[in-house]
Amino acid sequence: MIAEAFDTLRLLIIAGGAWFIAGAVALGLVLAVLLIALHAAARAAWRALTDQTGRPSSSTTHYEEAA
């Protein structure tokens, strides 16, 4: 009876560990997808604010009008 209880406890611990590992992997994948989406949004915003050379575009700065 005690041996069966220890076997059951051992199986519960193994199952809990497997669920923990699966949850950690799933959370890591979700975070990776969110970081990739954030990076893509930042690149799109940067391209919208700058020209192809990486400098601010003339539509966002008005040096000619200030002079």
PDB file of N, CA and C in Angstrom:
ATOM      1  N   MET A   1       0.825  -1.196   0.000  1.00  0.00           N
ATOM      2  CA  MET A   1       0.000   0.000   0.000  1.00  0.00           C
ATOM      3  C   MET A   1       0.868   1.259   0.000  1.00  0.00           C
ATOM      4  N   ILE A   2       1.900   1.256   0.838  1.00  0.00           N
ATOM      5  CA  ILE A   2       2.801   2.417   0.873  1.00  0.00           C
ATOM      6  C   ILE A   2       3.594   2.510  -0.431  1.00  0.00           C
ATOM      7  N   ALA A   3       3.963   1.362  -0.967  1.00  0.00           N
ATOM      8  CA  ALA A   3       4.700   1.359  -2.237  1.00  0.00           C
ATOM      9  C   ALA A   3       3.829   1.925  -3.361  1.00  0.00           C
ATOM     10  N   GLU A   4       2.551   1.589  -3.356  1.00  0.00           N
ATOM     11  CA  GLU A   4       1.649   2.125  -4.381  1.00  0.00           C
ATOM     12  C   GLU A   4       1.489   3.633  -4.229  1.00  0.00           C
ATOM     13  N   ALA A   5       1.468   4.102  -2.995  1.00  0.00           N
ATOM     14  CA  ALA A   5       1.358   5.546  -2.764  1.00  0.00           C
ATOM     15  C   ALA A   5       2.600   6.262  -3.277  1.00  0.00           C
ATOM     16  N   PHE A   6       3.778   5.674  -3.046  1.00  0.00           N
ATOM     17  CA  PHE A   6       5.010   6.286  -3.539  1.00  0.00           C
ATOM     18  C   PHE A   6       5.061   6.262  -5.062  1.00  0.00           C
ATOM     19  N   ASP A   7       4.576   5.182  -5.669  1.00  0.00           N
ATOM     20  CA  ASP A   7       4.531   5.122  -7.128  1.00  0.00           C
ATOM     21  C   ASP A   7       3.588   6.183  -7.691  1.00  0.00           C
ATOM     22  N   THR A   8       2.447   6.345  -7.038  1.00  0.00           N
ATOM     23  CA  THR A   8       1.496   7.371  -7.480  1.00  0.00           C
ATOM     24  C   THR A   8       2.094   8.769  -7.321  1.00  0.00           C
ATOM     25  N   LEU A   9       2.745   9.002  -6.196  1.00  0.00           N
ATOM     26  CA  LEU A   9       3.384  10.294  -5.973  1.00  0.00           C
ATOM     27  C   LEU A   9       4.472  10.556  -7.000  1.00  0.00           C
ATOM     28  N   ARG A  10       5.261   9.532  -7.311  1.00  0.00           N
ATOM     29  CA  ARG A  10       6.326   9.681  -8.304  1.00  0.00           C
ATOM     30  C   ARG A  10       5.735  10.020  -9.671  1.00  0.00           C
ATOM     31  N   LEU A  11       4.644   9.354 -10.053  1.00  0.00           N
ATOM     32  CA  LEU A  11       4.005   9.646 -11.334  1.00  0.00           C
ATOM     33  C   LEU A  11       3.426  11.052 -11.363  1.00  0.00           C
ATOM     34  N   LEU A  12       2.869  11.502 -10.247  1.00  0.00           N
ATOM     35  CA  LEU A  12       2.336  12.873 -10.192  1.00  0.00           C
ATOM     36  C   LEU A  12       3.456  13.900 -10.333  1.00  0.00           C
ATOM     37  N   ILE A  13       4.582  13.635  -9.714  1.00  0.00           N
ATOM     38  CA  ILE A  13       5.713  14.561  -9.817  1.00  0.00           C
ATOM     39  C   ILE A  13       6.242  14.608 -11.243  1.00  0.00           C
ATOM     40  N   ILE A  14       6.346  13.440 -11.876  1.00  0.00           N
ATOM     41  CA  ILE A  14       6.816  13.401 -13.270  1.00  0.00           C
ATOM     42  C   ILE A  14       5.838  14.129 -14.186  1.00  0.00           C
ATOM     43  N   ALA A  15       4.535  13.887 -13.992  1.00  0.00           N
ATOM     44  CA  ALA A  15       3.528  14.549 -14.820  1.00  0.00           C
ATOM     45  C   ALA A  15       3.553  16.064 -14.594  1.00  0.00           C
ATOM     46  N   GLY A  16       3.699  16.478 -13.339  1.00  0.00           N
ATOM     47  CA  GLY A  16       3.780  17.913 -13.054  1.00  0.00           C
ATOM     48  C   GLY A  16       4.997  18.550 -13.696  1.00  0.00           C
ATOM     49  N   GLY A  17       6.120  17.848 -13.669  1.00  0.00           N
ATOM     50  CA  GLY A  17       7.326  18.363 -14.320  1.00  0.00           C
ATOM     51  C   GLY A  17       7.156  18.494 -15.824  1.00  0.00           C
ATOM     52  N   ALA A  18       6.494  17.497 -16.418  1.00  0.00           N
ATOM     53  CA  ALA A  18       6.254  17.552 -17.863  1.00  0.00           C
ATOM     54  C   ALA A  18       5.357  18.735 -18.218  1.00  0.00           C
ATOM     55  N   TRP A  19       4.308  18.960 -17.408  1.00  0.00           N
ATOM     56  CA  TRP A  19       3.433  20.114 -17.657  1.00  0.00           C
ATOM     57  C   TRP A  19       4.185  21.426 -17.464  1.00  0.00           C
ATOM     58  N   PHE A  20       5.065  21.473 -16.477  1.00  0.00           N
ATOM     59  CA  PHE A  20       5.850  22.686 -16.238  1.00  0.00           C
ATOM     60  C   PHE A  20       6.762  22.980 -17.421  1.00  0.00           C
ATOM     61  N   ILE A  21       7.432  21.953 -17.927  1.00  0.00           N
ATOM     62  CA  ILE A  21       8.325  22.139 -19.069  1.00  0.00           C
ATOM     63  C   ILE A  21       7.535  22.555 -20.307  1.00  0.00           C
ATOM     64  N   ALA A  22       6.384  21.914 -20.536  1.00  0.00           N
ATOM     65  CA  ALA A  22       5.554  22.275 -21.686  1.00  0.00           C
ATOM     66  C   ALA A  22       5.064  23.718 -21.573  1.00  0.00           C
ATOM     67  N   GLY A  23       4.697  24.134 -20.380  1.00  0.00           N
ATOM     68  CA  GLY A  23       4.268  25.521 -20.184  1.00  0.00           C
ATOM     69  C   GLY A  23       5.394  26.509 -20.407  1.00  0.00           C
ATOM     70  N   ALA A  24       6.591  26.159 -19.963  1.00  0.00           N
ATOM     71  CA  ALA A  24       7.733  27.052 -20.157  1.00  0.00           C
ATOM     72  C   ALA A  24       8.072  27.187 -21.642  1.00  0.00           C
ATOM     73  N   VAL A  25       8.002  26.090 -22.368  1.00  0.00           N
ATOM     74  CA  VAL A  25       8.262  26.146 -23.812  1.00  0.00           C
ATOM     75  C   VAL A  25       7.198  26.988 -24.508  1.00  0.00           C
ATOM     76  N   ALA A  26       5.946  26.801 -24.145  1.00  0.00           N
ATOM     77  CA  ALA A  26       4.864  27.582 -24.759  1.00  0.00           C
ATOM     78  C   ALA A  26       5.019  29.065 -24.445  1.00  0.00           C
ATOM     79  N   LEU A  27       5.363  29.380 -23.208  1.00  0.00           N
ATOM     80  CA  LEU A  27       5.560  30.779 -22.844  1.00  0.00           C
ATOM     81  C   LEU A  27       6.738  31.384 -23.608  1.00  0.00           C
ATOM     82  N   GLY A  28       7.801  30.629 -23.765  1.00  0.00           N
ATOM     83  CA  GLY A  28       8.949  31.111 -24.540  1.00  0.00           C
ATOM     84  C   GLY A  28       8.586  31.379 -25.983  1.00  0.00           C
ATOM     85  N   LEU A  29       7.787  30.510 -26.570  1.00  0.00           N
ATOM     86  CA  LEU A  29       7.365  30.732 -27.962  1.00  0.00           C
ATOM     87  C   LEU A  29       6.486  31.967 -28.085  1.00  0.00           C
ATOM     88  N   VAL A  30       5.588  32.163 -27.143  1.00  0.00           N
ATOM     89  CA  VAL A  30       4.723  33.349 -27.170  1.00  0.00           C
ATOM     90  C   VAL A  30       5.565  34.613 -27.039  1.00  0.00           C
ATOM     91  N   LEU A  31       6.518  34.615 -26.125  1.00  0.00           N
ATOM     92  CA  LEU A  31       7.381  35.786 -25.962  1.00  0.00           C
ATOM     93  C   LEU A  31       8.219  36.044 -27.208  1.00  0.00           C
ATOM     94  N   ALA A  32       8.693  34.990 -27.853  1.00  0.00           N
ATOM     95  CA  ALA A  32       9.461  35.159 -29.085  1.00  0.00           C
ATOM     96  C   ALA A  32       8.600  35.795 -30.179  1.00  0.00           C
ATOM     97  N   VAL A  33       7.371  35.346 -30.310  1.00  0.00           N
ATOM     98  CA  VAL A  33       6.475  35.916 -31.326  1.00  0.00           C
ATOM     99  C   VAL A  33       6.189  37.385 -31.017  1.00  0.00           C
ATOM    100  N   LEU A  34       5.977  37.713 -29.748  1.00  0.00           N
ATOM    101  CA  LEU A  34       5.718  39.106 -29.375  1.00  0.00           C
ATOM    102  C   LEU A  34       6.928  39.986 -29.649  1.00  0.00           C
ATOM    103  N   LEU A  35       8.126  39.489 -29.364  1.00  0.00           N
ATOM    104  CA  LEU A  35       9.322  40.277 -29.635  1.00  0.00           C
ATOM    105  C   LEU A  35       9.535  40.487 -31.131  1.00  0.00           C
ATOM    106  N   ILE A  36       9.249  39.475 -31.926  1.00  0.00           N
ATOM    107  CA  ILE A  36       9.377  39.624 -33.378  1.00  0.00           C
ATOM    108  C   ILE A  36       8.374  40.647 -33.897  1.00  0.00           C
ATOM    109  N   ALA A  37       7.139  40.605 -33.381  1.00  0.00           N
ATOM    110  CA  ALA A  37       6.128  41.582 -33.804  1.00  0.00           C
ATOM    111  C   ALA A  37       6.520  42.989 -33.373  1.00  0.00           C
ATOM    112  N   LEU A  38       7.058  43.127 -32.167  1.00  0.00           N
ATOM    113  CA  LEU A  38       7.501  44.441 -31.696  1.00  0.00           C
ATOM    114  C   LEU A  38       8.644  44.970 -32.547  1.00  0.00           C
ATOM    115  N   HIS A  39       9.555  44.101 -32.923  1.00  0.00           N
ATOM    116  CA  HIS A  39      10.673  44.516 -33.773  1.00  0.00           C
ATOM    117  C   HIS A  39      10.172  44.970 -35.140  1.00  0.00           C
ATOM    118  N   ALA A  40       9.236  44.226 -35.706  1.00  0.00           N
ATOM    119  CA  ALA A  40       8.682  44.606 -37.008  1.00  0.00           C
ATOM    120  C   ALA A  40       7.954  45.947 -36.928  1.00  0.00           C
ATOM    121  N   ALA A  41       7.227  46.177 -35.849  1.00  0.00           N
ATOM    122  CA  ALA A  41       6.528  47.450 -35.694  1.00  0.00           C
ATOM    123  C   ALA A  41       7.518  48.598 -35.524  1.00  0.00           C
ATOM    124  N   ALA A  42       8.588  48.367 -34.784  1.00  0.00           N
ATOM    125  CA  ALA A  42       9.596  49.417 -34.610  1.00  0.00           C
ATOM    126  C   ALA A  42      10.287  49.731 -35.925  1.00  0.00           C
ATOM    127  N   ARG A  43      10.586  48.703 -36.726  1.00  0.00           N
ATOM    128  CA  ARG A  43      11.211  48.943 -38.031  1.00  0.00           C
ATOM    129  C   ARG A  43      10.276  49.710 -38.958  1.00  0.00           C
ATOM    130  N   ALA A  44       8.992  49.357 -38.929  1.00  0.00           N
ATOM    131  CA  ALA A  44       8.029  50.055 -39.783  1.00  0.00           C
ATOM    132  C   ALA A  44       7.907  51.519 -39.365  1.00  0.00           C
ATOM    133  N   ALA A  45       7.890  51.767 -38.065  1.00  0.00           N
ATOM    134  CA  ALA A  45       7.807  53.145 -37.595  1.00  0.00           C
ATOM    135  C   ALA A  45       9.063  53.913 -37.958  1.00  0.00           C
ATOM    136  N   TRP A  46      10.217  53.276 -37.828  1.00  0.00           N
ATOM    137  CA  TRP A  46      11.478  53.947 -38.169  1.00  0.00           C
ATOM    138  C   TRP A  46      11.526  54.267 -39.655  1.00  0.00           C
ATOM    139  N   ARG A  47      11.077  53.335 -40.497  1.00  0.00           N
ATOM    140  CA  ARG A  47      11.070  53.592 -41.939  1.00  0.00           C
ATOM    141  C   ARG A  47      10.089  54.696 -42.295  1.00  0.00           C
ATOM    142  N   ALA A  48       8.997  54.803 -41.545  1.00  0.00           N
ATOM    143  CA  ALA A  48       8.027  55.862 -41.821  1.00  0.00           C
ATOM    144  C   ALA A  48       8.586  57.229 -41.444  1.00  0.00           C
ATOM    145  N   LEU A  49       9.474  57.266 -40.463  1.00  0.00           N
ATOM    146  CA  LEU A  49      10.006  58.544 -39.997  1.00  0.00           C
ATOM    147  C   LEU A  49      11.316  58.940 -40.659  1.00  0.00           C
ATOM    148  N   THR A  50      11.978  58.022 -41.336  1.00  0.00           N
ATOM    149  CA  THR A  50      13.261  58.327 -41.954  1.00  0.00           C
ATOM    150  C   THR A  50      13.218  58.001 -43.433  1.00  0.00           C
ATOM    151  N   ASP A  51      14.186  58.569 -44.170  1.00  0.00           N
ATOM    152  CA  ASP A  51      14.310  58.201 -45.581  1.00  0.00           C
ATOM    153  C   ASP A  51      15.226  56.981 -45.684  1.00  0.00           C
ATOM    154  N   GLN A  52      15.630  56.623 -46.879  1.00  0.00           N
ATOM    155  CA  GLN A  52      16.413  55.409 -47.074  1.00  0.00           C
ATOM    156  C   GLN A  52      17.815  55.483 -46.476  1.00  0.00           C
ATOM    157  N   THR A  53      18.338  56.677 -46.224  1.00  0.00           N
ATOM    158  CA  THR A  53      19.685  56.803 -45.669  1.00  0.00           C
ATOM    159  C   THR A  53      19.708  56.703 -44.154  1.00  0.00           C
ATOM    160  N   GLY A  54      18.565  56.640 -43.504  1.00  0.00           N
ATOM    161  CA  GLY A  54      18.520  56.558 -42.062  1.00  0.00           C
ATOM    162  C   GLY A  54      18.418  57.909 -41.393  1.00  0.00           C
ATOM    163  N   ARG A  55      18.447  58.970 -42.195  1.00  0.00           N
ATOM    164  CA  ARG A  55      18.283  60.313 -41.626  1.00  0.00           C
ATOM    165  C   ARG A  55      16.806  60.649 -41.588  1.00  0.00           C
ATOM    166  N   PRO A  56      16.422  61.564 -40.724  1.00  0.00           N
ATOM    167  CA  PRO A  56      15.003  61.975 -40.706  1.00  0.00           C
ATOM    168  C   PRO A  56      14.576  62.505 -42.062  1.00  0.00           C
ATOM    169  N   SER A  57      13.382  62.158 -42.476  1.00  0.00           N
ATOM    170  CA  SER A  57      12.906  62.591 -43.786  1.00  0.00           C
ATOM    171  C   SER A  57      12.557  64.071 -43.761  1.00  0.00           C
ATOM    172  N   SER A  58      12.478  64.654 -44.942  1.00  0.00           N
ATOM    173  CA  SER A  58      12.193  66.084 -45.032  1.00  0.00           C
ATOM    174  C   SER A  58      10.768  66.389 -44.593  1.00  0.00           C
ATOM    175  N   SER A  59       9.893  65.406 -44.574  1.00  0.00           N
ATOM    176  CA  SER A  59       8.514  65.674 -44.136  1.00  0.00           C
ATOM    177  C   SER A  59       8.430  65.829 -42.628  1.00  0.00           C
ATOM    178  N   THR A  60       9.437  65.321 -41.892  1.00  0.00           N
ATOM    179  CA  THR A  60       9.380  65.445 -40.438  1.00  0.00           C
ATOM    180  C   THR A  60      10.215  66.611 -39.923  1.00  0.00           C
ATOM    181  N   THR A  61      11.176  67.091 -40.723  1.00  0.00           N
ATOM    182  CA  THR A  61      11.994  68.249 -40.329  1.00  0.00           C
ATOM    183  C   THR A  61      11.830  69.335 -41.367  1.00  0.00           C
ATOM    184  N   HIS A  62      11.763  70.545 -40.927  1.00  0.00           N
ATOM    185  CA  HIS A  62      11.544  71.665 -41.834  1.00  0.00           C
ATOM    186  C   HIS A  62      12.679  72.677 -41.661  1.00  0.00           C
ATOM    187  N   TYR A  63      13.873  72.224 -41.999  1.00  0.00           N
ATOM    188  CA  TYR A  63      15.029  73.113 -41.866  1.00  0.00           C
ATOM    189  C   TYR A  63      14.935  74.267 -42.865  1.00  0.00           C
ATOM    190  N   GLU A  64      14.420  73.979 -44.058  1.00  0.00           N
ATOM    191  CA  GLU A  64      14.337  75.026 -45.079  1.00  0.00           C
ATOM    192  C   GLU A  64      13.361  76.121 -44.650  1.00  0.00           C
ATOM    193  N   GLU A  65      12.261  75.726 -44.038  1.00  0.00           N
ATOM    194  CA  GLU A  65      11.285  76.723 -43.616  1.00  0.00           C
ATOM    195  C   GLU A  65      11.790  77.537 -42.441  1.00  0.00           C
ATOM    196  N   ALA A  66      12.619  76.941 -41.600  1.00  0.00           N
ATOM    197  CA  ALA A  66      13.134  77.659 -40.432  1.00  0.00           C
ATOM    198  C   ALA A  66      14.183  78.682 -40.845  1.00  0.00           C
ATOM    199  N   ALA A  67      14.860  78.463 -41.971  1.00  0.00           N
ATOM    200  CA  ALA A  67      15.933  79.368 -42.396  1.00  0.00           C
ATOM    201  C   ALA A  67      15.437  80.567 -43.116  1.00  0.00           C
TER     202      ALA A  67
END
